[in-house]
Amino acid sequence: MPSDMLLFGLVLFVIGGVLAMKGTIRHDANTAPPAHHPVHMTLRRSLPLHGICPVGLTIMIIGVACVVASYLVRL
């Protein structure tokens, strides 16, 4: 039971993360320069709050809660 809850929590966390960043990924894709201009990739230093999906963020929080609950059950 705890290992199923842990796996379920991890899957929810990954799916929620992809959904949460969907708007940011679209925004970054729209602002990218044309393919014939070489550009060095840089890491984003902060999360843009305008593109974060609240449903994805909620799913991520539920996933973290499942992981924590799995840990507490094993104690």
Protein backbone atom coordinates (compact mmCIF):
# COMPACT_ATOMS: atom_id res chain seq x y z
CA MET A 1 0.00 0.00 0.00
CA PRO A 2 2.68 2.62 0.87
CA SER A 3 4.69 1.85 -2.26
CA ASP A 4 1.55 2.26 -4.40
CA MET A 5 0.88 5.59 -2.72
CA LEU A 6 4.49 6.65 -3.31
CA LEU A 7 4.31 5.73 -7.00
CA PHE A 8 0.96 7.48 -7.38
CA GLY A 9 2.36 10.60 -5.70
CA LEU A 10 5.40 10.69 -7.96
CA VAL A 11 3.26 10.28 -11.09
CA LEU A 12 0.95 13.08 -9.92
CA PHE A 13 3.94 15.30 -9.19
CA VAL A 14 5.40 14.82 -12.69
CA ILE A 15 2.07 15.29 -14.48
CA GLY A 16 1.27 18.34 -12.36
CA GLY A 17 4.69 19.82 -13.11
CA VAL A 18 4.17 19.47 -16.85
CA LEU A 19 0.69 21.00 -16.61
CA ALA A 20 1.91 23.82 -14.36
CA MET A 21 4.62 24.82 -16.81
CA LYS A 22 2.49 24.44 -19.96
CA GLY A 23 1.86 28.19 -20.27
CA THR A 24 5.51 28.99 -19.63
CA ILE A 25 6.65 26.51 -22.28
CA ARG A 26 4.28 28.06 -24.82
CA HIS A 27 5.43 31.58 -23.94
CA ASP A 28 9.10 30.61 -24.29
CA ALA A 29 8.41 28.87 -27.60
CA ASN A 30 6.69 31.97 -28.98
CA THR A 31 9.58 34.25 -28.01
CA ALA A 32 12.32 31.98 -29.41
CA PRO A 33 14.38 33.39 -32.27
CA PRO A 34 14.25 31.77 -35.73
CA ALA A 35 16.07 28.47 -36.12
CA HIS A 36 18.77 29.89 -38.40
CA HIS A 37 20.11 32.14 -35.60
CA PRO A 38 22.34 30.19 -33.19
CA VAL A 39 21.50 31.01 -29.58
CA HIS A 40 23.09 29.62 -26.43
CA MET A 41 20.54 28.16 -24.06
CA THR A 42 20.38 29.64 -20.58
CA LEU A 43 18.58 28.35 -17.52
CA ARG A 44 15.66 30.34 -16.20
CA ARG A 45 16.59 31.95 -12.88
CA SER A 46 13.05 32.42 -11.59
CA LEU A 47 9.60 31.04 -12.26
CA PRO A 48 7.33 33.31 -14.27
CA LEU A 49 4.09 33.65 -12.35
CA HIS A 50 2.07 34.61 -15.45
CA GLY A 51 2.36 31.18 -17.05
CA ILE A 52 1.84 28.80 -14.15
CA CYS A 53 -1.37 26.76 -14.38
CA PRO A 54 -3.15 26.59 -10.99
CA VAL A 55 -4.61 23.14 -11.75
CA GLY A 56 -1.13 21.75 -12.39
CA LEU A 57 0.16 23.35 -9.22
CA THR A 58 -2.68 21.77 -7.24
CA ILE A 59 -1.91 18.35 -8.74
CA MET A 60 1.74 18.80 -7.74
CA ILE A 61 0.75 19.61 -4.16
CA ILE A 62 -1.47 16.51 -4.03
CA GLY A 63 1.45 14.43 -5.34
CA VAL A 64 3.77 15.78 -2.65
CA ALA A 65 1.09 15.04 -0.03
CA CYS A 66 0.89 11.43 -1.27
CA VAL A 67 4.68 11.06 -1.04
CA VAL A 68 4.71 12.45 2.50
CA ALA A 69 1.77 10.24 3.48
CA SER A 70 3.60 7.20 2.11
CA TYR A 71 6.62 8.12 4.20
CA LEU A 72 4.52 8.57 7.34
CA VAL A 73 2.76 5.23 6.82
CA ARG A 74 6.13 3.47 6.64
CA LEU A 75 7.14 4.87 10.03
